Protein backbone atom coordinates (compact mmCIF):
# COMPACT_ATOMS: atom_id res chain seq x y z
CA MET A 1 250.05 -151.37 93.89
CA SER A 2 250.73 -154.83 95.30
CA GLU A 3 248.77 -156.60 98.00
CA ALA A 4 251.92 -156.48 100.14
CA ALA A 5 252.00 -152.69 99.92
CA SER A 6 248.41 -152.51 101.09
CA ILE A 7 249.22 -154.75 104.04
CA ARG A 8 252.18 -152.52 104.96
CA VAL A 9 249.85 -149.53 105.12
CA ALA A 10 247.42 -151.38 107.40
CA GLN A 11 250.29 -152.41 109.69
CA ALA A 12 251.66 -148.87 109.78
CA ASP A 13 248.22 -147.46 110.55
CA SER A 14 247.69 -149.77 113.49
CA THR A 15 250.98 -148.72 115.06
CA ALA A 16 251.76 -145.17 113.99
CA LEU A 17 249.65 -143.69 111.19
CA LEU A 18 246.23 -143.54 112.84
CA PRO A 19 247.58 -142.12 116.13
CA SER A 20 249.37 -139.41 114.16
CA LEU A 21 246.12 -138.51 112.36
CA VAL A 22 243.93 -138.43 115.48
CA PRO A 23 244.58 -134.74 116.35
CA LEU A 24 243.69 -133.75 112.78
CA LEU A 25 240.55 -135.90 112.69
CA HIS A 26 239.34 -134.54 116.04
CA GLU A 27 239.23 -131.08 114.49
CA TRP A 28 238.19 -131.91 110.93
CA LEU A 29 235.62 -134.70 111.17
CA PRO A 30 232.94 -132.92 113.27
CA ARG A 31 232.91 -130.03 110.75
CA GLN A 32 231.88 -132.27 107.87
CA ARG A 33 228.21 -132.14 106.84
CA TRP A 34 228.06 -135.93 106.68
CA PHE A 35 229.32 -136.46 110.25
CA ALA A 36 226.36 -137.91 112.18
CA GLY A 37 227.56 -137.32 115.73
CA LYS A 38 227.40 -133.53 115.91
CA GLY A 39 227.05 -132.07 119.37
CA GLN A 40 228.82 -134.97 121.08
CA PRO A 41 232.57 -135.20 121.78
CA ILE A 42 234.71 -137.82 120.06
CA THR A 43 236.45 -139.92 122.68
CA GLY A 44 238.66 -141.87 120.32
CA PHE A 45 239.18 -143.51 116.94
CA SER A 46 239.78 -147.10 115.92
CA LEU A 47 240.81 -148.62 112.63
CA VAL A 48 238.53 -150.88 110.59
CA SER A 49 240.73 -151.10 107.49
CA ALA A 50 243.40 -149.21 105.58
CA THR A 51 244.32 -149.53 101.91
CA GLU A 52 246.95 -147.62 99.99
CA MET A 53 245.27 -146.90 96.65
CA LEU A 54 248.19 -144.82 95.39
CA PRO A 55 251.59 -145.15 97.12
CA VAL A 56 252.23 -142.33 99.58
CA ASP A 57 256.01 -142.89 99.50
CA ALA A 58 256.41 -142.92 95.73
CA PRO A 59 259.35 -140.78 94.50
CA SER A 60 256.98 -138.28 92.88
CA VAL A 61 255.17 -137.77 96.20
CA THR A 62 258.26 -137.33 98.31
CA ALA A 63 259.74 -135.01 95.68
CA GLY A 64 256.67 -132.81 95.83
CA SER A 65 255.31 -133.38 92.32
CA GLY A 66 252.80 -136.18 92.98
CA ALA A 67 250.07 -137.35 95.33
CA GLY A 68 249.32 -140.52 97.28
CA LEU A 69 245.86 -141.79 98.23
CA LEU A 70 244.91 -143.62 101.41
CA HIS A 71 241.53 -145.28 101.90
CA LEU A 72 240.58 -145.59 105.56
CA LEU A 73 237.56 -146.97 107.36
CA VAL A 74 237.62 -145.49 110.86
CA ARG A 75 235.24 -145.72 113.80
CA ALA A 76 234.59 -142.54 115.76
CA HIS A 77 233.76 -143.36 119.37
CA GLN A 78 231.31 -141.06 121.20
CA PRO A 79 229.85 -141.33 124.71
CA ALA A 80 226.22 -140.97 123.59
CA ALA A 81 226.29 -144.03 121.31
CA PRO A 82 224.12 -146.92 122.59
CA ALA A 83 226.30 -149.60 124.14
CA ARG A 84 224.65 -152.31 122.00
CA TRP A 85 225.67 -150.57 118.76
CA PRO A 86 229.21 -150.28 117.39
CA ALA A 87 230.64 -146.79 116.97
CA ASP A 88 229.84 -145.04 113.69
CA CYS A 89 232.16 -146.07 110.86
CA TYR A 90 233.28 -143.44 108.34
CA GLN A 91 234.93 -143.77 104.95
CA LEU A 92 237.87 -141.43 104.41
CA LEU A 93 239.85 -140.95 101.20
CA LEU A 94 242.94 -139.01 102.20
CA GLY A 95 245.27 -137.39 99.73
CA VAL A 96 248.93 -137.02 100.70
CA ARG A 97 251.31 -134.46 99.17
CA ALA A 98 254.59 -132.88 100.18
CA ALA A 99 253.17 -129.48 99.23
CA LEU A 100 249.54 -128.63 98.54
CA PRO A 101 248.88 -126.54 95.42
CA PRO A 102 246.76 -123.39 96.01
CA PRO A 103 243.56 -124.77 94.37
CA LEU A 104 243.53 -127.59 96.93
CA ALA A 105 244.16 -125.39 99.97
CA PRO A 106 240.48 -125.52 101.12
CA ALA A 107 240.70 -129.34 101.18
CA LEU A 108 243.56 -129.40 103.70
CA ILE A 109 242.94 -131.50 106.81
CA GLY A 110 246.35 -130.81 108.34
CA ARG A 111 249.97 -131.87 108.62
CA PRO A 112 250.74 -134.67 111.09
CA ALA A 113 253.36 -133.72 113.64
CA ASN A 114 254.73 -137.25 113.77
CA GLY A 115 254.32 -140.70 112.27
CA PRO A 116 255.00 -141.88 108.71
CA LEU A 117 253.36 -138.79 107.16
CA ALA A 118 255.01 -136.23 109.45
CA GLY A 119 255.17 -132.79 107.88
CA ARG A 120 253.24 -133.73 104.75
CA ALA A 121 249.87 -132.30 103.73
CA VAL A 122 246.93 -134.61 104.37
CA TYR A 123 243.77 -133.47 102.62
CA GLU A 124 240.32 -134.49 101.35
CA GLY A 125 241.37 -136.60 98.39
CA LEU A 126 238.06 -136.42 96.51
CA HIS A 127 238.70 -132.73 95.79
CA ASP A 128 241.89 -133.57 93.92
CA PRO A 129 241.01 -134.17 90.23
CA ARG A 130 244.03 -136.46 89.86
CA LEU A 131 242.91 -138.72 92.71
CA ALA A 132 239.24 -138.59 91.74
CA ALA A 133 240.23 -139.70 88.23
CA LEU A 134 242.21 -142.58 89.76
CA LEU A 135 239.08 -143.74 91.56
CA LEU A 136 237.12 -143.90 88.29
CA GLU A 137 239.99 -145.76 86.64
CA ARG A 138 239.96 -148.32 89.44
CA LEU A 139 236.21 -148.81 88.97
CA ARG A 140 236.80 -149.71 85.34
CA THR A 141 238.58 -152.93 86.38
CA PRO A 142 236.78 -155.40 88.66
CA GLY A 143 238.87 -157.09 91.32
CA ALA A 144 240.29 -156.72 94.82
CA LEU A 145 242.76 -154.21 96.21
CA GLY A 146 243.68 -154.77 99.83
CA ALA A 147 240.47 -154.60 101.85
CA LEU A 148 238.53 -153.24 98.85
CA ARG A 149 236.65 -155.03 96.10
CA PHE A 150 235.53 -153.39 92.86
CA GLY A 151 232.56 -154.69 90.86
CA ARG A 152 231.07 -153.71 87.52
CA GLY A 153 227.83 -154.10 85.61
CA GLY A 154 227.65 -155.46 82.09
CA ALA A 155 228.67 -152.33 80.17
CA PRO A 156 232.29 -151.13 80.16
CA VAL A 157 233.11 -147.90 81.98
CA ALA A 158 234.46 -145.20 79.70
CA ALA A 159 237.80 -143.63 80.58
CA GLY A 160 238.71 -140.00 80.79
CA PRO A 161 235.73 -137.84 81.90
CA ALA A 162 236.95 -134.97 84.08
CA PRO A 163 235.72 -135.18 87.71
CA ARG A 164 234.07 -132.56 89.88
CA VAL A 165 232.59 -132.72 93.39
CA LEU A 166 228.93 -131.83 93.82
CA ASP A 167 228.40 -129.38 96.66
CA THR A 168 224.76 -130.30 97.38
CA GLU A 169 225.24 -133.56 99.28
CA GLN A 170 224.46 -133.85 102.99
CA SER A 171 225.08 -137.40 104.18
CA ASN A 172 227.34 -138.51 101.29
CA THR A 173 229.74 -137.11 98.72
CA SER A 174 229.10 -137.32 94.98
CA LEU A 175 231.54 -136.94 92.10
CA VAL A 176 230.38 -136.20 88.57
CA TYR A 177 232.64 -137.37 85.73
CA GLY A 178 232.08 -135.14 82.71
CA ASP A 179 228.50 -135.67 81.59
CA ALA A 180 228.79 -139.46 81.76
CA TYR A 181 228.72 -140.72 85.35
CA ILE A 182 227.92 -139.84 88.94
CA LEU A 183 229.72 -141.64 91.77
CA LYS A 184 228.12 -141.57 95.20
CA ILE A 185 230.59 -142.12 98.04
CA PHE A 186 228.91 -143.28 101.24
CA ARG A 187 230.57 -141.55 104.16
CA ARG A 188 228.90 -143.23 107.13
CA VAL A 189 228.88 -146.92 106.27
CA PHE A 190 227.07 -149.92 107.72
CA PRO A 191 227.50 -153.70 107.48
CA GLY A 192 225.56 -155.19 104.58
CA THR A 193 224.59 -154.13 101.09
CA ASN A 194 223.40 -150.54 100.86
CA PRO A 195 219.89 -150.29 99.32
CA ASP A 196 221.25 -147.68 96.89
CA LEU A 197 223.15 -150.53 95.24
CA GLU A 198 220.84 -153.44 95.99
CA LEU A 199 217.56 -151.95 94.75
CA PRO A 200 218.78 -150.33 91.49
CA LEU A 201 220.49 -153.63 90.61
CA ALA A 202 217.22 -155.51 91.27
CA LEU A 203 215.26 -152.98 89.19
CA ALA A 204 217.75 -153.27 86.33
CA ARG A 205 217.32 -157.05 86.32
CA GLU A 206 213.56 -156.50 86.17
CA GLY A 207 213.94 -154.15 83.19
CA CYS A 208 212.61 -151.07 85.01
CA GLY A 209 213.95 -147.94 83.30
CA ARG A 210 212.80 -145.52 85.99
CA VAL A 211 216.04 -145.86 87.97
CA PRO A 212 219.57 -145.45 86.55
CA ALA A 213 221.23 -148.87 86.64
CA PRO A 214 224.56 -149.14 88.53
CA VAL A 215 227.53 -149.21 86.19
CA ALA A 216 230.15 -150.09 88.83
CA TRP A 217 230.58 -150.12 92.60
CA PHE A 218 233.10 -150.82 95.32
CA GLU A 219 232.88 -152.26 98.79
CA SER A 220 234.92 -153.38 101.75
CA ILE A 221 235.46 -157.12 102.09
CA ALA A 222 237.20 -157.18 105.47
CA PRO A 223 236.40 -157.55 108.24
CA GLU A 224 232.78 -157.52 106.94
CA PRO A 225 231.05 -156.44 103.71
CA LEU A 226 230.31 -152.70 103.51
CA THR A 227 229.01 -150.86 100.44
CA LEU A 228 231.31 -147.88 99.86
CA GLY A 229 230.32 -146.31 96.54
CA VAL A 230 228.06 -146.69 93.49
CA LEU A 231 228.70 -145.38 89.96
CA GLN A 232 225.62 -144.67 87.83
CA PRO A 233 224.87 -142.86 84.57
CA TYR A 234 224.62 -139.10 85.03
CA LEU A 235 221.26 -137.80 83.79
CA ARG A 236 222.74 -134.52 82.59
CA ASP A 237 219.61 -133.17 80.90
CA ALA A 238 217.25 -134.01 83.77
CA GLU A 239 215.96 -131.49 86.32
CA ASP A 240 215.43 -131.95 90.02
CA GLY A 241 211.75 -132.39 90.94
CA TRP A 242 212.02 -130.04 93.92
CA GLN A 243 213.40 -127.21 91.84
CA LEU A 244 210.77 -127.82 89.16
CA ALA A 245 208.01 -127.56 91.76
CA LEU A 246 209.43 -124.36 93.25
CA ARG A 247 209.75 -122.81 89.81
CA ALA A 248 206.14 -123.69 88.99
CA LEU A 249 204.99 -122.06 92.22
CA ALA A 250 207.04 -118.94 91.61
CA ARG A 251 205.51 -118.56 88.15
CA GLY A 252 202.01 -119.36 89.28
CA HIS A 253 201.92 -122.50 87.13
CA ASP A 254 199.95 -125.66 87.75
CA PHE A 255 201.97 -128.80 88.59
CA THR A 256 199.27 -131.46 88.42
CA GLU A 257 200.39 -132.95 85.10
CA GLU A 258 203.90 -133.44 86.49
CA ALA A 259 202.52 -134.83 89.77
CA HIS A 260 200.30 -137.28 87.90
CA ALA A 261 203.24 -138.53 85.82
CA LEU A 262 205.38 -138.82 88.94
CA GLY A 263 202.67 -140.92 90.58
CA ARG A 264 202.80 -143.30 87.62
CA ALA A 265 206.60 -143.49 87.84
CA THR A 266 206.44 -144.30 91.56
CA ALA A 267 203.91 -147.07 90.95
CA GLU A 268 206.05 -148.57 88.19
CA VAL A 269 209.04 -148.72 90.53
CA HIS A 270 206.95 -150.30 93.29
CA THR A 271 205.54 -152.87 90.86
CA ALA A 272 209.02 -153.79 89.64
CA LEU A 273 210.39 -154.07 93.18
CA ALA A 274 207.49 -156.34 94.14
CA ALA A 275 208.28 -158.55 91.15
CA ALA A 276 212.03 -158.63 91.80
CA LEU A 277 212.14 -159.14 95.58
CA PRO A 278 210.11 -160.96 98.27
CA THR A 279 206.73 -159.49 99.25
CA PRO A 280 205.81 -160.71 102.73
CA VAL A 281 202.48 -160.04 104.39
CA LEU A 282 202.29 -157.96 107.54
CA ARG A 283 200.36 -160.06 110.03
CA PRO A 284 198.40 -158.46 112.89
CA ALA A 285 201.35 -158.70 115.29
CA GLN A 286 203.64 -157.02 112.75
CA THR A 287 201.09 -154.29 112.11
CA ALA A 288 200.93 -153.66 115.85
CA HIS A 289 204.73 -153.52 115.92
CA LEU A 290 204.67 -150.97 113.08
CA ALA A 291 202.25 -148.76 115.01
CA ALA A 292 204.24 -149.13 118.23
CA GLY A 293 207.37 -147.91 116.44
CA MET A 294 205.52 -144.80 115.28
CA VAL A 295 204.37 -144.13 118.84
CA ARG A 296 207.93 -144.48 120.16
CA ARG A 297 209.24 -142.02 117.57
CA LEU A 298 206.47 -139.57 118.45
CA ASP A 299 207.22 -139.77 122.18
CA ALA A 300 210.95 -139.29 121.57
CA ALA A 301 210.32 -136.31 119.28
CA ALA A 302 207.97 -134.71 121.80
CA ARG A 303 210.65 -134.95 124.50
CA ALA A 304 213.10 -133.18 122.18
CA VAL A 305 210.67 -130.60 120.71
CA PRO A 306 208.25 -129.23 123.34
CA ALA A 307 206.09 -127.62 120.63
CA LEU A 308 204.87 -131.12 119.75
CA VAL A 309 203.53 -131.94 123.21
CA PRO A 310 200.01 -130.43 122.84
CA TYR A 311 199.46 -132.44 119.66
CA VAL A 312 200.56 -135.84 120.97
CA PRO A 313 197.07 -137.21 121.81
CA GLY A 314 195.68 -136.35 118.37
CA LEU A 315 198.74 -137.71 116.58
CA ARG A 316 198.72 -140.93 118.59
CA ALA A 317 195.15 -141.53 117.45
CA ALA A 318 196.43 -141.98 113.89
CA PHE A 319 198.84 -144.68 115.06
CA ASP A 320 196.21 -146.32 117.27
CA ALA A 321 193.98 -146.64 114.20
CA VAL A 322 196.69 -148.72 112.51
CA ALA A 323 197.11 -150.90 115.58
CA LEU A 324 193.34 -151.43 115.56
CA LEU A 325 193.55 -152.73 111.99
CA GLY A 326 195.91 -155.39 113.27
CA ASP A 327 193.55 -156.20 116.16
CA ARG A 328 190.79 -156.77 113.62
CA GLY A 329 192.93 -159.29 111.77
CA HIS A 330 193.66 -157.18 108.70
CA ASP A 331 196.75 -158.32 106.80
CA ARG A 332 198.79 -155.79 104.82
CA ALA A 333 201.14 -156.34 101.90
CA ALA A 334 204.76 -155.29 102.41
CA GLN A 335 207.65 -155.00 99.98
CA ARG A 336 210.94 -153.20 99.42
CA ILE A 337 210.38 -149.49 98.80
CA HIS A 338 212.40 -146.33 98.23
CA GLY A 339 212.24 -145.42 101.91
CA ASP A 340 212.91 -141.66 101.70
CA LEU A 341 210.87 -140.51 98.71
CA HIS A 342 210.37 -136.80 98.09
CA LEU A 343 210.62 -134.36 95.20
CA GLY A 344 214.36 -133.98 95.68
CA GLN A 345 214.82 -137.70 94.98
CA THR A 346 213.31 -137.40 91.50
CA LEU A 347 214.56 -136.19 88.12
CA ARG A 348 212.51 -135.23 85.06
CA ALA A 349 214.01 -135.38 81.58
CA ALA A 350 213.23 -132.82 78.90
CA ASP A 351 210.65 -135.20 77.39
CA GLY A 352 208.79 -135.42 80.72
CA PHE A 353 210.15 -138.84 81.73
CA TRP A 354 210.54 -139.14 85.51
CA SER A 355 213.33 -141.10 87.22
CA LEU A 356 213.71 -141.96 90.90
CA ILE A 357 217.15 -141.76 92.53
CA ASP A 358 218.87 -142.17 95.91
CA PHE A 359 217.49 -145.45 97.27
CA GLU A 360 219.62 -145.29 100.40
CA GLY A 361 216.61 -144.58 102.64
CA GLU A 362 216.77 -142.33 105.68
CA PRO A 363 220.49 -142.41 106.62
CA ALA A 364 219.71 -141.85 110.30
CA ARG A 365 217.92 -145.20 110.51
CA PRO A 366 219.82 -148.50 110.94
CA LEU A 367 220.57 -150.28 107.67
CA ALA A 368 218.64 -153.40 108.71
CA GLU A 369 215.54 -151.27 109.23
CA ARG A 370 215.98 -149.53 105.87
CA ARG A 371 216.19 -152.90 104.11
CA ARG A 372 213.03 -154.22 105.76
CA PRO A 373 209.91 -154.69 103.56
CA GLN A 374 207.31 -152.04 104.34
CA PRO A 375 203.89 -150.92 103.09
CA PRO A 376 204.33 -149.02 99.78
CA VAL A 377 202.07 -146.24 101.08
CA ARG A 378 205.05 -145.07 103.13
CA ASP A 379 206.67 -143.79 99.92
CA VAL A 380 203.37 -142.21 98.85
CA ALA A 381 203.13 -140.42 102.21
CA GLY A 382 206.65 -139.07 101.79
CA MET A 383 205.78 -137.56 98.42
CA LEU A 384 202.54 -136.07 99.75
CA ARG A 385 204.56 -134.35 102.46
CA SER A 386 206.98 -133.08 99.81
CA PHE A 387 204.21 -131.34 97.86
CA ASP A 388 203.18 -129.67 101.10
CA TYR A 389 206.77 -128.60 101.78
CA ALA A 390 207.09 -127.07 98.33
CA ALA A 391 203.85 -125.15 98.65
CA ARG A 392 204.68 -123.84 102.13
CA SER A 393 208.16 -122.72 101.07
CA HIS A 394 206.47 -120.29 98.67
CA ARG A 395 204.88 -117.01 99.76
CA PRO A 396 201.97 -116.77 99.99
CA TRP A 397 201.17 -120.32 101.08
CA ASN A 398 199.19 -121.98 98.30
CA ALA A 399 197.11 -124.70 99.95
CA GLU A 400 195.14 -125.44 96.78
CA TRP A 401 198.33 -126.04 94.77
CA ALA A 402 199.44 -128.70 97.24
CA ALA A 403 196.00 -130.31 97.38
CA ARG A 404 195.77 -130.57 93.59
CA CYS A 405 199.26 -132.10 93.39
CA ARG A 406 198.45 -134.64 96.09
CA THR A 407 195.29 -135.71 94.28
CA ALA A 408 196.98 -135.90 90.88
CA TYR A 409 199.88 -137.92 92.29
CA CYS A 410 197.57 -140.48 93.90
CA GLU A 411 195.48 -140.73 90.71
CA GLY A 412 198.59 -141.32 88.60
CA TYR A 413 199.78 -143.95 91.05
CA ALA A 414 196.40 -145.71 91.01
CA GLU A 415 196.30 -145.80 87.21
CA ALA A 416 199.68 -147.53 86.99
CA ALA A 417 199.45 -149.76 90.06
CA GLY A 418 195.78 -150.70 89.87
CA VAL A 419 195.50 -149.84 93.58
CA ASP A 420 194.69 -146.38 94.91
CA PRO A 421 196.87 -145.54 97.94
CA ARG A 422 193.92 -143.58 99.35
CA SER A 423 192.02 -146.86 99.71
CA GLU A 424 193.99 -147.46 102.93
CA PRO A 425 193.30 -144.13 104.68
CA GLU A 426 194.38 -145.24 108.15
CA LEU A 427 197.72 -146.53 106.94
CA LEU A 428 198.36 -143.56 104.66
CA ARG A 429 197.51 -141.03 107.36
CA ALA A 430 199.67 -142.82 109.92
CA HIS A 431 202.69 -142.82 107.61
CA GLU A 432 202.15 -139.17 106.73
CA THR A 433 201.93 -138.36 110.44
CA ASP A 434 205.08 -140.37 111.17
CA LYS A 435 206.89 -138.48 108.40
CA ALA A 436 205.74 -135.10 109.73
CA VAL A 437 206.99 -136.01 113.21
CA TYR A 438 210.38 -136.90 111.72
CA GLU A 439 210.41 -133.56 109.90
CA VAL A 440 209.70 -131.64 113.10
CA LEU A 441 212.63 -133.29 114.85
CA TYR A 442 214.94 -132.71 111.88
CA GLU A 443 214.02 -129.03 111.45
CA ALA A 444 214.28 -128.32 115.16
CA ARG A 445 217.82 -129.70 115.16
CA HIS A 446 219.12 -128.43 111.84
CA ARG A 447 216.88 -125.69 110.36
CA PRO A 448 214.79 -124.02 113.06
CA ASP A 449 213.50 -121.42 110.58
CA TRP A 450 211.75 -124.23 108.70
CA LEU A 451 210.02 -125.66 111.78
CA PRO A 452 206.67 -123.95 111.00
CA VAL A 453 206.38 -126.01 107.80
CA PRO A 454 206.02 -129.46 109.42
CA MET A 455 204.26 -127.94 112.44
CA ALA A 456 201.46 -126.78 110.13
CA ALA A 457 201.05 -130.40 109.00
CA ILE A 458 201.13 -131.56 112.62
CA HIS A 459 198.25 -129.20 113.40
CA ARG A 460 196.23 -130.54 110.45
CA LEU A 461 196.98 -134.22 111.08
CA ALA A 462 196.27 -134.03 114.79
CA ALA A 463 192.90 -132.43 114.06
CA VAL A 464 192.06 -135.09 111.46
CA SER A 465 192.86 -137.80 113.96
CA ASP A 466 190.61 -136.38 116.69
């Protein structure tokens, strides 16, 4: 498609296309798992960019035998959004057909009543194998297309693997192409380079094999850079660390060998990130700022979840201990980290080799915060909480299993890093407490039946801090 065609789509969207889609988006967008503004009304939509990736007015489309593909970046305006922040921006890949074949019926968004697509079926394009295959084909060739830019690593991208959508994603959408590649599509996008592209590229340059290196990616180039998707090798024979842990618990098996190896893998990634990217020192004022942020998150969570209120004094003591380190003039090393590390972000190959994946960080946090250097013990604390989650999801609760895994993980980390994360007990406990507070807020909002899991940790951590 020509650049002129892409421009025509953008002009049409600003005058007629987007208004015609608004009634459909009002109904469809809040139902998507990756929509971040649940519980608040959408007051309007505005266009960021529009690109016609496959012509929607091609003869095959109008005749009913083909499909068009529109790429839209759209802001959803909501009254609860802070005035200082722009409205959330979402990436939409919309298929357009005259008639939708039965296998694609669940992907239907609707039929606009007016505008340039009046009467045609508009649907979630990623569920259409023909359109998903087009996206991979476009990633094979670096270059620009309208507001989009496609980049590629050193190795060529193979053509032809059949696509399928993974149904396990929450904040993004992933496509698997045969057994060769996995393409993560970021749904809620932010200005700047997403860490899930930035950090794996840095690790690849450093020669770290613990993270699959990006093969290709695409981004928006107007009106500002936005990372939109990353293509990586698909580790088809690897198993999810969370499922491995649950299976070990169900069978009554020990998991310390796996935890020890995972600790080594984490340390290797941290060491490579420290070598590849700047490693500033947290001065006393920055340490105090770190502790103050934890206190603010605790206070906000306690206002939202009354069950936390009795524990606030004990939990705050953990954060005060970190602030006291700053008062005493203790400096702390900081670096780029994973940012949301848990068992579900790890994969183990048949030979026992562990890989770390999904470097996006916590999607609910601003991108600038996720890209900020932090103490590496934050990742360690996240994994310690994950062992606890796994153990408490099993009946009966196996406290010793979790304790052994936590110890083995820290020992493996220390062997590879040369530094034991338990040598900074105040910082480690504060980050574990901060993570547990986040978990309480998340479970209360999304999975109330799981709330007792982080609340058990809250009880333990508040007592430790007394």
